[in-house]
Structure formats: structure tokens, C-alpha cells
Amino acid sequence: MRVPRAALCVCLVVVGLASSLGVDAAYAQSSAGVRAGVSVNPDQFYFGGHVQTAPLVDRLRFRPNVEIGVGDNVTLVAFNLEFAYMFPSRQRWHVYAGAGPALNYAVGSNSSDLRGGFNILLGLEHREGLFVEMKIGAIDSPNLKFGVGYTFH
């Protein structure tokens, strides 16, 4: 399935902005990363990018991301405004959990649609940046997502 030109442009702008934040990561304690995975309902492969802020309160970080899903006769561009709480750990890996609203733009063969959604997430992240994540979607977000990604520090 072909990715819509507008969705591709938005994704490139977000990834470009996220990359520029990565340059000042040591100063601002913000970082950017990439992600990919699979989703259920719609059954798709997705890829995208994210930005992670310094802790807003205690260990709570703002982690907005854009994911483009392809397959199941639809292209889905998800703009996720998620917050993640990083549980303390002295190990190399730590657990995080979070949630946030989503804006989902779906393009099918004969129509396009813009709808709201909500995600609940649970992940495991290595202190060097590698992570695995599971998302449960509500309203008009994909029902379930399994992904892997990397946050550049």
C-alpha cells in the first residue's frame, strides 16, 4: 500500500525535529529515537520516531511519537501524545508504564478518516536506549501493538 504524501511529509518533519533535539540531548536532557513493530486490528507493520523529554515530575516523561502503519488495505498514521513513568531500578533494564491520547489518520482505497484514540503502554528499556513495548489501544487506536525501538542518548 502506498503511503500518502501528506503523511510522509508530516513524519519526515517530526523525525527531523526529533533528530535536531538529539543534538542538544546532553544539555536539554531530551532525546529522540526510532521504533518499529506490528499491530493487531488493523494487522499492520509500523515504523516511526519519538521524542523523550527530561523528567517532568519525578520519573514521568513526555514521550510523543508518530507511527506509520501499512497493511490490511489501509495506511494508518498515528500521532501519539504519551506520558511514560520510568520505574526505578539499579539494573541495566527498567520497566516503564504510561498512557496518552492519539490522533489516528487512516487512508483506505476509497476513503480517509481522522479519529481520536487512547493508548496504554508497558515497556522494558535498557539504560543504553534499546526498548521493547506493548500498547493496548482504545476508542479508534489499534487494539494491540508490539514494538521495539531505540532512544539515542
N, C-alpha and C. Protein backbone atom coordinates (compact mmCIF):
# COMPACT_ATOMS: atom_id res chain seq x y z
N MET A 1 0.83 -1.18 0.00
CA MET A 1 0.00 0.00 0.00
C MET A 1 0.88 1.24 0.00
N ARG A 2 0.48 2.23 -0.74
CA ARG A 2 1.21 3.48 -0.87
C ARG A 2 1.00 4.38 0.33
N VAL A 3 2.07 4.96 0.88
CA VAL A 3 1.96 5.90 2.00
C VAL A 3 1.57 7.26 1.43
N PRO A 4 0.50 7.89 1.95
CA PRO A 4 0.07 9.19 1.44
C PRO A 4 1.18 10.23 1.58
N ARG A 5 1.29 11.10 0.59
CA ARG A 5 2.35 12.12 0.58
C ARG A 5 2.27 13.02 1.80
N ALA A 6 1.08 13.44 2.22
CA ALA A 6 0.93 14.31 3.39
C ALA A 6 1.42 13.61 4.66
N ALA A 7 1.09 12.34 4.81
CA ALA A 7 1.53 11.58 5.99
C ALA A 7 3.03 11.44 6.01
N LEU A 8 3.63 11.18 4.85
CA LEU A 8 5.07 11.05 4.77
C LEU A 8 5.76 12.37 5.11
N CYS A 9 5.21 13.48 4.62
CA CYS A 9 5.79 14.80 4.92
C CYS A 9 5.72 15.10 6.42
N VAL A 10 4.58 14.82 7.04
CA VAL A 10 4.43 15.06 8.48
C VAL A 10 5.43 14.21 9.25
N CYS A 11 5.57 12.95 8.87
CA CYS A 11 6.51 12.05 9.55
C CYS A 11 7.94 12.57 9.41
N LEU A 12 8.32 12.99 8.21
CA LEU A 12 9.67 13.50 8.00
C LEU A 12 9.94 14.76 8.82
N VAL A 13 8.96 15.64 8.92
CA VAL A 13 9.12 16.85 9.74
C VAL A 13 9.30 16.48 11.21
N VAL A 14 8.47 15.56 11.72
CA VAL A 14 8.58 15.15 13.12
C VAL A 14 9.92 14.48 13.39
N VAL A 15 10.34 13.57 12.51
CA VAL A 15 11.63 12.89 12.70
C VAL A 15 12.77 13.90 12.60
N GLY A 16 12.66 14.86 11.68
CA GLY A 16 13.69 15.90 11.57
C GLY A 16 13.79 16.74 12.83
N LEU A 17 12.65 17.14 13.36
CA LEU A 17 12.66 17.90 14.61
C LEU A 17 13.20 17.07 15.75
N ALA A 18 12.80 15.81 15.80
CA ALA A 18 13.29 14.92 16.84
C ALA A 18 14.80 14.75 16.74
N SER A 19 15.32 14.64 15.53
CA SER A 19 16.77 14.48 15.34
C SER A 19 17.51 15.72 15.81
N SER A 20 16.95 16.90 15.55
CA SER A 20 17.62 18.12 15.99
C SER A 20 17.63 18.24 17.50
N LEU A 21 16.62 17.68 18.17
CA LEU A 21 16.63 17.67 19.62
C LEU A 21 17.72 16.75 20.16
N GLY A 22 18.02 15.70 19.44
CA GLY A 22 19.04 14.76 19.86
C GLY A 22 20.42 15.40 19.92
N VAL A 23 20.69 16.42 19.12
CA VAL A 23 21.98 17.09 19.13
C VAL A 23 22.23 17.76 20.46
N ASP A 24 21.20 18.33 21.06
CA ASP A 24 21.34 19.02 22.33
C ASP A 24 20.92 18.16 23.51
N ALA A 25 20.90 16.85 23.35
CA ALA A 25 20.40 15.96 24.39
C ALA A 25 21.16 16.10 25.70
N ALA A 26 22.47 16.29 25.63
CA ALA A 26 23.26 16.40 26.86
C ALA A 26 22.88 17.66 27.62
N TYR A 27 22.55 18.70 26.90
CA TYR A 27 22.20 19.96 27.55
C TYR A 27 20.75 19.97 28.02
N ALA A 28 19.85 19.61 27.17
CA ALA A 28 18.42 19.71 27.47
C ALA A 28 17.85 18.44 28.10
N GLN A 29 18.59 17.36 28.10
CA GLN A 29 18.13 16.07 28.59
C GLN A 29 16.90 15.56 27.85
N SER A 30 16.75 15.99 26.61
CA SER A 30 15.73 15.43 25.73
C SER A 30 16.44 14.53 24.75
N SER A 31 15.74 13.54 24.26
CA SER A 31 16.35 12.63 23.30
C SER A 31 15.32 12.20 22.27
N ALA A 32 15.81 11.65 21.18
CA ALA A 32 14.95 11.21 20.10
C ALA A 32 15.25 9.76 19.80
N GLY A 33 14.32 9.10 19.11
CA GLY A 33 14.55 7.70 18.78
C GLY A 33 13.68 7.22 17.65
N VAL A 34 13.87 5.95 17.33
CA VAL A 34 13.13 5.29 16.27
C VAL A 34 12.42 4.07 16.84
N ARG A 35 11.39 3.60 16.14
CA ARG A 35 10.60 2.46 16.60
C ARG A 35 9.97 1.74 15.41
N ALA A 36 9.69 0.45 15.61
CA ALA A 36 9.01 -0.35 14.59
C ALA A 36 8.34 -1.53 15.28
N GLY A 37 7.33 -2.09 14.64
CA GLY A 37 6.66 -3.23 15.23
C GLY A 37 5.48 -3.69 14.41
N VAL A 38 4.59 -4.43 15.07
CA VAL A 38 3.39 -4.94 14.43
C VAL A 38 2.17 -4.57 15.27
N SER A 39 1.03 -4.45 14.61
CA SER A 39 -0.20 -4.12 15.31
C SER A 39 -1.29 -5.12 14.93
N VAL A 40 -2.29 -5.19 15.80
CA VAL A 40 -3.45 -6.07 15.58
C VAL A 40 -4.69 -5.19 15.49
N ASN A 41 -5.48 -5.39 14.45
CA ASN A 41 -6.73 -4.68 14.20
C ASN A 41 -6.53 -3.17 14.12
N PRO A 42 -5.95 -2.65 13.05
CA PRO A 42 -5.61 -3.36 11.83
C PRO A 42 -4.29 -4.13 11.96
N ASP A 43 -4.19 -5.23 11.18
CA ASP A 43 -2.99 -6.05 11.16
C ASP A 43 -1.97 -5.36 10.25
N GLN A 44 -0.96 -4.76 10.88
CA GLN A 44 -0.02 -3.94 10.13
C GLN A 44 1.39 -4.07 10.67
N PHE A 45 2.34 -3.65 9.83
CA PHE A 45 3.71 -3.36 10.24
C PHE A 45 3.76 -1.86 10.41
N TYR A 46 4.39 -1.35 11.47
CA TYR A 46 4.51 0.09 11.64
C TYR A 46 5.94 0.49 11.92
N PHE A 47 6.24 1.75 11.63
CA PHE A 47 7.55 2.34 11.90
C PHE A 47 7.34 3.80 12.24
N GLY A 48 8.30 4.41 12.92
CA GLY A 48 8.15 5.81 13.26
C GLY A 48 9.28 6.33 14.11
N GLY A 49 9.02 7.44 14.75
CA GLY A 49 10.00 8.09 15.59
C GLY A 49 9.35 8.70 16.81
N HIS A 50 10.18 9.03 17.79
CA HIS A 50 9.67 9.63 19.02
C HIS A 50 10.67 10.61 19.61
N VAL A 51 10.18 11.43 20.50
CA VAL A 51 10.99 12.34 21.30
C VAL A 51 10.69 12.02 22.75
N GLN A 52 11.71 12.08 23.60
CA GLN A 52 11.51 11.83 25.03
C GLN A 52 12.10 13.01 25.79
N THR A 53 11.29 13.62 26.65
CA THR A 53 11.75 14.79 27.40
C THR A 53 12.47 14.36 28.68
N ALA A 54 13.10 15.33 29.29
CA ALA A 54 13.64 15.12 30.64
C ALA A 54 12.44 14.89 31.56
N PRO A 55 12.65 14.32 32.74
CA PRO A 55 11.51 14.10 33.64
C PRO A 55 10.75 15.39 33.92
N LEU A 56 9.43 15.33 33.78
CA LEU A 56 8.58 16.48 34.08
C LEU A 56 8.35 16.58 35.59
N VAL A 57 8.05 15.44 36.19
CA VAL A 57 7.84 15.31 37.63
C VAL A 57 8.38 13.94 38.01
N ASP A 58 9.22 13.88 39.03
CA ASP A 58 9.80 12.62 39.49
C ASP A 58 10.37 11.86 38.30
N ARG A 59 9.77 10.75 37.89
CA ARG A 59 10.27 9.94 36.77
C ARG A 59 9.29 9.92 35.60
N LEU A 60 8.39 10.88 35.55
CA LEU A 60 7.38 10.95 34.49
C LEU A 60 7.93 11.77 33.32
N ARG A 61 7.95 11.15 32.14
CA ARG A 61 8.45 11.81 30.93
C ARG A 61 7.34 11.92 29.88
N PHE A 62 7.41 12.98 29.10
CA PHE A 62 6.54 13.14 27.94
C PHE A 62 7.24 12.45 26.77
N ARG A 63 6.53 11.56 26.06
CA ARG A 63 7.14 10.76 25.00
C ARG A 63 6.23 10.73 23.77
N PRO A 64 6.06 11.87 23.10
CA PRO A 64 5.21 11.88 21.90
C PRO A 64 5.89 11.10 20.77
N ASN A 65 5.07 10.47 19.93
CA ASN A 65 5.63 9.70 18.82
C ASN A 65 4.67 9.69 17.64
N VAL A 66 5.24 9.41 16.48
CA VAL A 66 4.48 9.26 15.24
C VAL A 66 4.79 7.87 14.71
N GLU A 67 3.74 7.13 14.37
CA GLU A 67 3.90 5.78 13.83
C GLU A 67 3.09 5.66 12.54
N ILE A 68 3.72 5.14 11.49
CA ILE A 68 3.04 4.91 10.22
C ILE A 68 2.87 3.41 10.06
N GLY A 69 1.62 2.97 9.98
CA GLY A 69 1.31 1.55 9.80
C GLY A 69 0.87 1.27 8.39
N VAL A 70 1.37 0.16 7.84
CA VAL A 70 0.99 -0.24 6.48
C VAL A 70 0.54 -1.70 6.50
N GLY A 71 -0.47 -2.00 5.70
CA GLY A 71 -1.01 -3.35 5.61
C GLY A 71 -2.50 -3.36 5.88
N ASP A 72 -3.14 -4.51 5.65
CA ASP A 72 -4.57 -4.69 5.89
C ASP A 72 -5.41 -3.71 5.07
N ASN A 73 -4.91 -3.35 3.88
CA ASN A 73 -5.59 -2.45 2.94
C ASN A 73 -5.83 -1.05 3.49
N VAL A 74 -4.99 -0.62 4.42
CA VAL A 74 -5.10 0.73 4.97
C VAL A 74 -3.73 1.21 5.39
N THR A 75 -3.51 2.52 5.31
CA THR A 75 -2.33 3.16 5.86
C THR A 75 -2.79 3.98 7.05
N LEU A 76 -2.17 3.78 8.19
CA LEU A 76 -2.56 4.47 9.41
C LEU A 76 -1.39 5.31 9.92
N VAL A 77 -1.62 6.60 10.09
CA VAL A 77 -0.62 7.48 10.68
C VAL A 77 -1.15 7.85 12.06
N ALA A 78 -0.42 7.43 13.10
CA ALA A 78 -0.84 7.66 14.48
C ALA A 78 0.06 8.71 15.12
N PHE A 79 -0.54 9.77 15.62
CA PHE A 79 0.16 10.80 16.39
C PHE A 79 -0.18 10.54 17.85
N ASN A 80 0.77 10.02 18.62
CA ASN A 80 0.53 9.60 20.00
C ASN A 80 1.18 10.58 20.98
N LEU A 81 0.39 11.14 21.87
CA LEU A 81 0.90 12.07 22.88
C LEU A 81 0.95 11.34 24.22
N GLU A 82 1.97 10.53 24.39
CA GLU A 82 2.03 9.63 25.54
C GLU A 82 2.97 10.13 26.63
N PHE A 83 2.62 9.76 27.85
CA PHE A 83 3.45 10.01 29.02
C PHE A 83 3.90 8.66 29.55
N ALA A 84 5.17 8.57 29.98
CA ALA A 84 5.69 7.30 30.48
C ALA A 84 6.36 7.52 31.83
N TYR A 85 6.01 6.66 32.79
CA TYR A 85 6.64 6.70 34.11
C TYR A 85 7.71 5.61 34.15
N MET A 86 8.95 6.01 34.40
CA MET A 86 10.08 5.09 34.45
C MET A 86 10.26 4.60 35.89
N PHE A 87 9.99 3.33 36.14
CA PHE A 87 10.14 2.78 37.48
C PHE A 87 11.62 2.68 37.84
N PRO A 88 11.98 3.00 39.08
CA PRO A 88 13.39 2.97 39.47
C PRO A 88 13.95 1.55 39.44
N SER A 89 15.22 1.46 39.05
CA SER A 89 15.89 0.17 39.00
C SER A 89 17.40 0.40 39.04
N ARG A 90 18.11 -0.47 39.71
CA ARG A 90 19.57 -0.41 39.70
C ARG A 90 20.15 -1.32 38.63
N GLN A 91 19.30 -2.02 37.93
CA GLN A 91 19.71 -2.93 36.87
C GLN A 91 19.87 -2.16 35.55
N ARG A 92 20.41 -2.83 34.56
CA ARG A 92 20.56 -2.20 33.23
C ARG A 92 19.20 -2.00 32.55
N TRP A 93 18.22 -2.84 32.88
CA TRP A 93 16.88 -2.75 32.31
C TRP A 93 15.92 -2.22 33.36
N HIS A 94 14.98 -1.38 32.93
CA HIS A 94 13.94 -0.91 33.84
C HIS A 94 12.58 -0.98 33.14
N VAL A 95 11.55 -1.11 33.94
CA VAL A 95 10.18 -1.18 33.45
C VAL A 95 9.61 0.24 33.40
N TYR A 96 8.78 0.50 32.41
CA TYR A 96 8.04 1.76 32.37
C TYR A 96 6.60 1.47 31.96
N ALA A 97 5.72 2.36 32.35
CA ALA A 97 4.30 2.25 32.01
C ALA A 97 3.79 3.64 31.70
N GLY A 98 2.77 3.71 30.88
CA GLY A 98 2.25 5.02 30.54
C GLY A 98 0.94 4.95 29.79
N ALA A 99 0.53 6.12 29.33
CA ALA A 99 -0.73 6.24 28.60
C ALA A 99 -0.78 7.61 27.92
N GLY A 100 -1.72 7.76 27.02
CA GLY A 100 -1.92 9.05 26.39
C GLY A 100 -2.88 8.98 25.21
N PRO A 101 -3.37 10.14 24.81
CA PRO A 101 -4.30 10.22 23.68
C PRO A 101 -3.58 10.06 22.35
N ALA A 102 -4.35 9.73 21.32
CA ALA A 102 -3.81 9.56 19.98
C ALA A 102 -4.74 10.20 18.96
N LEU A 103 -4.15 10.67 17.88
CA LEU A 103 -4.89 11.15 16.73
C LEU A 103 -4.50 10.25 15.57
N ASN A 104 -5.47 9.50 15.03
CA ASN A 104 -5.20 8.49 14.02
C ASN A 104 -5.80 8.88 12.67
N TYR A 105 -4.92 8.95 11.67
CA TYR A 105 -5.33 9.29 10.31
C TYR A 105 -5.24 8.03 9.46
N ALA A 106 -6.37 7.51 9.04
CA ALA A 106 -6.42 6.27 8.26
C ALA A 106 -6.79 6.58 6.81
N VAL A 107 -6.04 5.97 5.90
CA VAL A 107 -6.30 6.14 4.47
C VAL A 107 -6.50 4.75 3.87
N GLY A 108 -7.69 4.52 3.32
CA GLY A 108 -8.00 3.26 2.65
C GLY A 108 -8.03 3.47 1.15
N SER A 109 -8.49 2.47 0.42
CA SER A 109 -8.52 2.56 -1.04
C SER A 109 -9.53 3.58 -1.53
N ASN A 110 -10.62 3.80 -0.78
CA ASN A 110 -11.66 4.72 -1.25
C ASN A 110 -11.97 5.86 -0.29
N SER A 111 -11.29 5.90 0.87
CA SER A 111 -11.64 6.95 1.82
C SER A 111 -10.48 7.24 2.77
N SER A 112 -10.64 8.33 3.49
CA SER A 112 -9.70 8.66 4.56
C SER A 112 -10.51 9.15 5.75
N ASP A 113 -9.92 8.99 6.94
CA ASP A 113 -10.66 9.29 8.16
C ASP A 113 -9.69 9.74 9.24
N LEU A 114 -10.10 10.71 10.04
CA LEU A 114 -9.29 11.20 11.15
C LEU A 114 -10.08 10.97 12.43
N ARG A 115 -9.53 10.18 13.36
CA ARG A 115 -10.25 9.83 14.58
C ARG A 115 -9.33 9.86 15.78
N GLY A 116 -9.94 10.05 16.94
CA GLY A 116 -9.19 10.04 18.19
C GLY A 116 -9.08 8.65 18.77
N GLY A 117 -8.10 8.46 19.61
CA GLY A 117 -7.91 7.18 20.27
C GLY A 117 -7.19 7.39 21.59
N PHE A 118 -6.84 6.28 22.23
CA PHE A 118 -6.13 6.33 23.50
C PHE A 118 -5.27 5.07 23.62
N ASN A 119 -4.07 5.22 24.15
CA ASN A 119 -3.15 4.09 24.31
C ASN A 119 -2.73 3.93 25.77
N ILE A 120 -2.60 2.68 26.19
CA ILE A 120 -2.00 2.32 27.47
C ILE A 120 -0.78 1.49 27.13
N LEU A 121 0.37 1.80 27.71
CA LEU A 121 1.58 1.11 27.31
C LEU A 121 2.37 0.56 28.48
N LEU A 122 3.13 -0.49 28.19
CA LEU A 122 4.02 -1.13 29.15
C LEU A 122 5.28 -1.49 28.39
N GLY A 123 6.44 -1.14 28.97
CA GLY A 123 7.68 -1.39 28.25
C GLY A 123 8.82 -1.78 29.16
N LEU A 124 9.89 -2.20 28.52
CA LEU A 124 11.13 -2.56 29.19
C LEU A 124 12.24 -1.88 28.41
N GLU A 125 13.06 -1.05 29.11
CA GLU A 125 14.07 -0.26 28.42
C GLU A 125 15.45 -0.47 29.05
N HIS A 126 16.45 -0.63 28.19
CA HIS A 126 17.85 -0.74 28.63
C HIS A 126 18.39 0.67 28.81
N ARG A 127 19.27 0.86 29.75
CA ARG A 127 19.78 2.21 30.01
C ARG A 127 20.54 2.79 28.82
N GLU A 128 20.99 1.95 27.88
CA GLU A 128 21.69 2.44 26.69
C GLU A 128 20.72 2.89 25.59
N GLY A 129 19.40 2.58 25.71
CA GLY A 129 18.42 3.10 24.77
C GLY A 129 17.52 2.09 24.09
N LEU A 130 17.90 0.82 24.03
CA LEU A 130 17.06 -0.19 23.41
C LEU A 130 15.81 -0.43 24.26
N PHE A 131 14.64 -0.58 23.62
CA PHE A 131 13.42 -0.87 24.38
C PHE A 131 12.49 -1.78 23.60
N VAL A 132 11.63 -2.48 24.36
CA VAL A 132 10.52 -3.25 23.80
C VAL A 132 9.26 -2.72 24.47
N GLU A 133 8.17 -2.70 23.72
CA GLU A 133 6.97 -2.04 24.23
C GLU A 133 5.71 -2.75 23.73
N MET A 134 4.69 -2.76 24.57
CA MET A 134 3.38 -3.26 24.21
C MET A 134 2.37 -2.14 24.47
N LYS A 135 1.48 -1.90 23.51
CA LYS A 135 0.44 -0.89 23.66
C LYS A 135 -0.92 -1.54 23.50
N ILE A 136 -1.83 -1.17 24.36
CA ILE A 136 -3.23 -1.56 24.23
C ILE A 136 -3.99 -0.31 23.82
N GLY A 137 -4.72 -0.40 22.72
CA GLY A 137 -5.43 0.76 22.20
C GLY A 137 -6.90 0.73 22.52
N ALA A 138 -7.47 1.91 22.69
CA ALA A 138 -8.90 2.07 22.95
C ALA A 138 -9.46 3.09 21.96
N ILE A 139 -10.76 3.14 21.91
CA ILE A 139 -11.51 4.01 21.01
C ILE A 139 -11.13 3.63 19.58
N ASP A 140 -10.43 4.50 18.83
CA ASP A 140 -10.08 4.19 17.44
C ASP A 140 -8.58 4.00 17.22
N SER A 141 -7.86 3.57 18.25
CA SER A 141 -6.45 3.19 18.10
C SER A 141 -6.38 1.69 17.82
N PRO A 142 -5.28 1.22 17.19
CA PRO A 142 -5.14 -0.23 17.01
C PRO A 142 -5.28 -0.97 18.34
N ASN A 143 -5.93 -2.13 18.33
CA ASN A 143 -6.21 -2.86 19.56
C ASN A 143 -4.96 -3.23 20.35
N LEU A 144 -3.90 -3.64 19.63
CA LEU A 144 -2.70 -4.12 20.30
C LEU A 144 -1.50 -3.85 19.41
N LYS A 145 -0.39 -3.39 20.02
CA LYS A 145 0.85 -3.17 19.28
C LYS A 145 2.00 -3.78 20.07
N PHE A 146 2.92 -4.42 19.34
CA PHE A 146 4.18 -4.90 19.91
C PHE A 146 5.29 -4.23 19.11
N GLY A 147 6.20 -3.57 19.82
CA GLY A 147 7.25 -2.87 19.11
C GLY A 147 8.60 -2.96 19.78
N VAL A 148 9.60 -2.56 19.02
CA VAL A 148 10.97 -2.46 19.51
C VAL A 148 11.50 -1.12 19.01
N GLY A 149 12.40 -0.53 19.79
CA GLY A 149 12.92 0.76 19.36
C GLY A 149 14.23 1.08 20.04
N TYR A 150 14.72 2.27 19.71
CA TYR A 150 15.98 2.73 20.27
C TYR A 150 15.89 4.23 20.49
N THR A 151 16.27 4.67 21.69
CA THR A 151 16.33 6.09 22.01
C THR A 151 17.80 6.49 22.04
N PHE A 152 18.18 7.46 21.22
CA PHE A 152 19.56 7.93 21.17
C PHE A 152 19.83 8.85 22.35
N HIS A 153 20.89 8.59 23.08
CA HIS A 153 21.22 9.42 24.26
C HIS A 153 22.41 10.30 23.97
